[in-house]
Amino acid sequence: MATITITTQASHDARIAEAYGNFLGLGRNATVAEIKAELVAHAKSVVKNYERNTAINSAVTGITLVTIT
């Protein structure tokens, strides 16, 4: 499996940690592990939502209306 690496500027690290700590409701700065876990969870959610919506759209497209006379 491919590896994705995210590189930040050291001057931004504190801002990222603070923002993710707030986003996660931690009451403190988030750790690198907590930020990574959130990014992984977000990526999984994006893929799941995309695949679910694609499946729903395919199912709806495949419906044939009943002709009643």
Protein backbone atom coordinates (compact mmCIF):
# COMPACT_ATOMS: atom_id res chain seq x y z
CA MET A 1 0.00 0.00 0.00
CA ALA A 2 1.15 3.53 -0.73
CA THR A 3 2.36 5.80 2.02
CA ILE A 4 1.15 9.38 2.32
CA THR A 5 3.45 11.82 4.07
CA ILE A 6 2.36 15.25 5.24
CA THR A 7 5.09 17.75 5.93
CA THR A 8 4.40 20.94 7.86
CA GLN A 9 6.51 23.96 8.57
CA ALA A 10 7.82 23.99 12.13
CA SER A 11 6.38 27.47 12.56
CA HIS A 12 2.89 26.07 11.86
CA ASP A 13 3.06 23.01 14.13
CA ALA A 14 1.81 24.80 17.24
CA ARG A 15 -1.11 26.28 15.31
CA ILE A 16 -2.07 22.87 13.92
CA ALA A 17 -1.82 21.21 17.34
CA GLU A 18 -3.95 23.92 18.92
CA ALA A 19 -6.56 23.86 16.17
CA TYR A 20 -6.90 20.07 16.24
CA GLY A 21 -7.04 20.05 20.02
CA ASN A 22 -9.97 22.43 19.80
CA PHE A 23 -11.60 20.53 16.92
CA LEU A 24 -11.37 17.26 18.87
CA GLY A 25 -12.62 18.91 22.07
CA LEU A 26 -9.52 17.91 24.01
CA GLY A 27 -9.12 21.08 26.05
CA ARG A 28 -5.43 21.03 25.12
CA ASN A 29 -3.21 20.82 22.08
CA ALA A 30 -3.55 17.60 20.10
CA THR A 31 -0.58 15.28 19.82
CA VAL A 32 0.84 14.17 16.48
CA ALA A 33 -0.75 10.74 17.02
CA GLU A 34 -4.16 12.31 17.67
CA ILE A 35 -3.90 14.49 14.57
CA LYS A 36 -2.85 11.49 12.47
CA ALA A 37 -5.75 9.41 13.81
CA GLU A 38 -8.20 12.18 12.92
CA LEU A 39 -6.78 12.55 9.41
CA VAL A 40 -7.01 8.78 8.86
CA ALA A 41 -10.59 8.71 10.17
CA HIS A 42 -11.50 11.62 7.91
CA ALA A 43 -10.01 9.92 4.83
CA LYS A 44 -11.95 6.72 5.61
CA SER A 45 -15.16 8.72 6.02
CA VAL A 46 -14.66 10.54 2.72
CA VAL A 47 -14.13 7.25 0.85
CA LYS A 48 -17.10 5.57 2.57
CA ASN A 49 -19.41 8.50 1.78
CA TYR A 50 -18.25 8.63 -1.84
CA GLU A 51 -18.73 4.89 -2.35
CA ARG A 52 -22.12 4.92 -0.61
CA ASN A 53 -23.34 7.83 -2.75
CA THR A 54 -22.05 6.14 -5.90
CA ALA A 55 -23.87 2.91 -4.98
CA ILE A 56 -27.09 4.80 -4.22
CA ASN A 57 -26.91 6.68 -7.52
CA SER A 58 -26.30 3.43 -9.41
CA ALA A 59 -29.23 1.77 -7.67
CA VAL A 60 -31.57 4.67 -8.39
CA THR A 61 -30.49 4.80 -12.03
CA GLY A 62 -31.26 1.09 -12.37
CA ILE A 63 -34.87 1.43 -11.23
CA THR A 64 -37.42 0.89 -13.96
CA LEU A 65 -40.71 2.63 -13.40
CA VAL A 66 -43.81 0.49 -13.47
CA THR A 67 -46.09 1.24 -16.38
CA ILE A 68 -49.72 1.06 -15.39
CA THR A 69 -52.53 1.67 -17.83
